[in-house]
């Protein structure tokens, strides 16, 4: 008897959980800025700086960045809007009993942003930071893939095993000088810069991955031309970056998603002395995922016709690739105006998609979530004020994906967003969301890791040459052949059958193996 083994190095997801951290703090208006009359927009984003495992706990630290737009109290200054930007640190510790050899990935997003105006110089902020933690552990399996020998029957199964190869993060710095169009007024003060990255084209090059994307930048600023006005200018910046990924090769499926970590911008004068240059420095965190599917033959059972096999087995948990979908979908919102308010025009819009649930129901995959949009608009009246509206609507993206024990790996991001005036009573927000869904099937099986053949003294003549057996529920050809010490092929030949499963009560002729 000859045994052949194979080596399978699996990356198993050993940790997956979600945690919420409440971050609170006060924002004090700097002396150089006017008092607050009304808060128009309070936005927040969160990033993680570190995730360190020690003493049975995962210690996570990060920063929440707040962006506040407000209407100032001092009307005589003539400015419509002012801004406040600040940040708070946060930390969290989670009990993980055995995580010494686990590689952790931690994502952060903000939900439920709230504020209280304490007085005209102080703002109390509260936000929930949602943390998603995934931990991966490498484990080496060495299953038997074949057993040779005339006396030994081995059941072999071929599997498409999904292997996560890399889950890496890399920071990309983008710096550029952005020009305000000549027909727009000069910059007096930059109020708010919103940036997001889309694209993510990948090219594998000798253990490295070259990623390409587009950075979308929208700058809201005030101008002092013909009285203070609020203006919005948009830019797109293509970028390319090389990310180290030693284990990635040309057989891998690779995709990357982006999250803007930090944005800073200052106004500068151009060659004509006009303040039409925006010096922007933007930090993007790229998350690169790479995987491959390998085909492996694995033995999960064996027996000897004349001898006795003693076997050693192990439980193996792995994922099989089923399908994937890399697509876009559009979600539209209607933003109604408050009573007695008429819409003149839309100034600016931002949005944030929040995933609430991923599930399989009746052969359909559902990605359910909420799109939160922040709209700035001007009311239609003489000396109309800039106002804001926050709108939340649910979405349910669906795709037919039938099967049992399915799991989904999903990434969702903003590709584009635009807002238009429908009429005096409402505006329309249209968001294009990028989506990458990978569907996998959970497999749990026993694998043979070793076996030993012991010869028996039982003579073949002592066995009957033919047995009549009446099938029971769940019987398979393999089960019956193993029970009576014969082969699957002999049972098929004796009964003229091909199907693996029997009908209960069916008479089956079982011939002796030799």
Foldseek 3Di string as FASTA:
>chain_A
DDFDKDKDKAKDWPDKDKDKDKDKDKDFADPVDAFFDFWFDKDKWKDWDDWDDDDQKTKTKIKIKIKTKGAGPPCVVQAFIAIDIDMDMDMDIDGHRDPPQKDKDKDKGKDDWDWDPPDRGMIMIMIMIMMIMIIIHIDMDMFTQDDDDPFKDFDKDKAWFKHWQDWDKDKDKDKDKDFADPVDAFFPFWRDKDKFKDDWDWDDDQQKIKTKIKIKIKIWGWHCPPTIDIAIDIDIDIDIDIGGGNRDDPQKDKTKGKDWDDKDWDWDADPVRGRGIITIMTMMMMIMIIMHIDMGMFTFDMAGLFWGKDFDKDKDKGKGFDDKDWDKDKDKDKFFDPPPWFFDWWHDKDKDWDFDDWDADPQKTKTKTKIWMKTWTFTPDVVTHIHIDIDIDMDIDMDGHDDPQKDKDKDKDWPDKDKTDPGGTIIMIMTMMIMMITMIHMDIGMGTDDMDIDGDPDDLVVADQKDKDFDAPPQFLVVVCRVRSADSVVQCVVVVDDDGDDDGGDITIDGRRD
